Amino acid sequence: MLKKQAKKIFILTVAAVFLVLGLAGLVLPLLQGWLFLTISALLFSMYSPTLRTWIDKHTVKYPKIHAVVGKAQEWTTKVFGAPEV
């Protein structure tokens, strides 16, 4: 139980850090803000079915992007394990 809680806190903390970097990257010319925001959204979507549905709905129009998002989701699941919602 404690291990699951720690994993969830770790993933959400990393997602929040990427969110802050992404927001800073929108203003600073040295950072690629969209890249950090994308990573943050993928990490947050592990624990938010609503966000996951939104990502799927908006990327399905573009098959190449949808495939990349699917591979990224598989990779995060492989690295961090399946989320316990």
Protein backbone atom coordinates (compact mmCIF):
# COMPACT_ATOMS: atom_id res chain seq x y z
CA MET A 1 0.00 0.00 0.00
CA LEU A 2 2.73 2.45 0.98
CA LYS A 3 4.75 1.49 -2.11
CA LYS A 4 1.78 2.24 -4.40
CA GLN A 5 1.23 5.58 -2.69
CA ALA A 6 4.92 6.49 -3.00
CA LYS A 7 4.91 5.55 -6.70
CA LYS A 8 1.84 7.70 -7.33
CA ILE A 9 3.36 10.67 -5.49
CA PHE A 10 6.63 10.26 -7.40
CA ILE A 11 4.93 10.15 -10.82
CA LEU A 12 2.69 13.11 -10.05
CA THR A 13 5.66 15.10 -8.72
CA VAL A 14 7.68 14.41 -11.86
CA ALA A 15 4.64 15.39 -13.96
CA ALA A 16 4.32 18.65 -12.01
CA VAL A 17 8.02 19.43 -12.55
CA PHE A 18 7.61 18.86 -16.30
CA LEU A 19 4.52 21.08 -16.24
CA VAL A 20 6.48 23.93 -14.64
CA LEU A 21 9.32 23.44 -17.13
CA GLY A 22 6.81 23.45 -19.97
CA LEU A 23 5.18 26.65 -18.81
CA ALA A 24 8.62 28.25 -18.45
CA GLY A 25 9.51 26.97 -21.90
CA LEU A 26 6.57 28.82 -23.40
CA VAL A 27 8.20 32.07 -22.27
CA LEU A 28 11.92 31.29 -22.42
CA PRO A 29 13.44 30.78 -25.87
CA LEU A 30 15.93 28.11 -24.70
CA LEU A 31 13.38 25.51 -23.55
CA GLN A 32 11.00 23.57 -25.75
CA GLY A 33 7.80 24.20 -23.80
CA TRP A 34 5.54 21.95 -25.88
CA LEU A 35 7.81 18.94 -25.31
CA PHE A 36 7.74 19.30 -21.51
CA LEU A 37 3.98 19.94 -21.56
CA THR A 38 3.47 16.77 -23.63
CA ILE A 39 5.51 14.66 -21.23
CA SER A 40 3.63 16.17 -18.31
CA ALA A 41 0.26 15.41 -19.91
CA LEU A 42 1.26 11.79 -20.54
CA LEU A 43 2.37 11.34 -16.93
CA PHE A 44 -0.75 13.00 -15.53
CA SER A 45 -2.91 10.86 -17.82
CA MET A 46 -1.68 7.75 -16.03
CA TYR A 47 -3.88 8.76 -13.09
CA SER A 48 -6.57 10.76 -14.87
CA PRO A 49 -8.91 8.77 -17.12
CA THR A 50 -10.52 12.03 -18.24
CA LEU A 51 -7.19 13.41 -19.48
CA ARG A 52 -6.37 10.08 -21.11
CA THR A 53 -9.71 10.14 -22.98
CA TRP A 54 -9.10 13.74 -24.05
CA ILE A 55 -5.64 12.87 -25.40
CA ASP A 56 -7.01 9.88 -27.31
CA LYS A 57 -9.91 11.91 -28.71
CA HIS A 58 -7.66 14.69 -29.99
CA THR A 59 -4.85 12.54 -31.40
CA VAL A 60 -6.94 9.92 -33.19
CA LYS A 61 -7.42 12.39 -36.08
CA TYR A 62 -3.68 12.18 -36.73
CA PRO A 63 -2.66 8.50 -36.95
CA LYS A 64 1.11 9.11 -36.75
CA ILE A 65 0.79 11.27 -33.65
CA HIS A 66 -1.70 8.82 -32.13
CA ALA A 67 0.79 5.98 -32.69
CA VAL A 68 3.58 7.96 -31.01
CA VAL A 69 1.32 8.76 -28.05
CA GLY A 70 0.40 5.07 -27.76
CA LYS A 71 4.06 4.04 -27.79
CA ALA A 72 4.89 6.70 -25.20
CA GLN A 73 2.07 5.45 -22.98
CA GLU A 74 3.33 1.86 -23.33
CA TRP A 75 6.84 3.01 -22.45
CA THR A 76 5.71 4.88 -19.34
CA THR A 77 3.69 1.85 -18.27
CA LYS A 78 6.72 -0.38 -18.79
CA VAL A 79 9.04 1.96 -16.85
CA PHE A 80 6.69 2.98 -14.02
CA GLY A 81 4.29 0.03 -14.05
CA ALA A 82 0.56 0.09 -14.52
CA PRO A 83 -1.12 2.83 -12.47
CA GLU A 84 -3.40 1.85 -9.62
CA VAL A 85 -6.23 4.35 -10.01
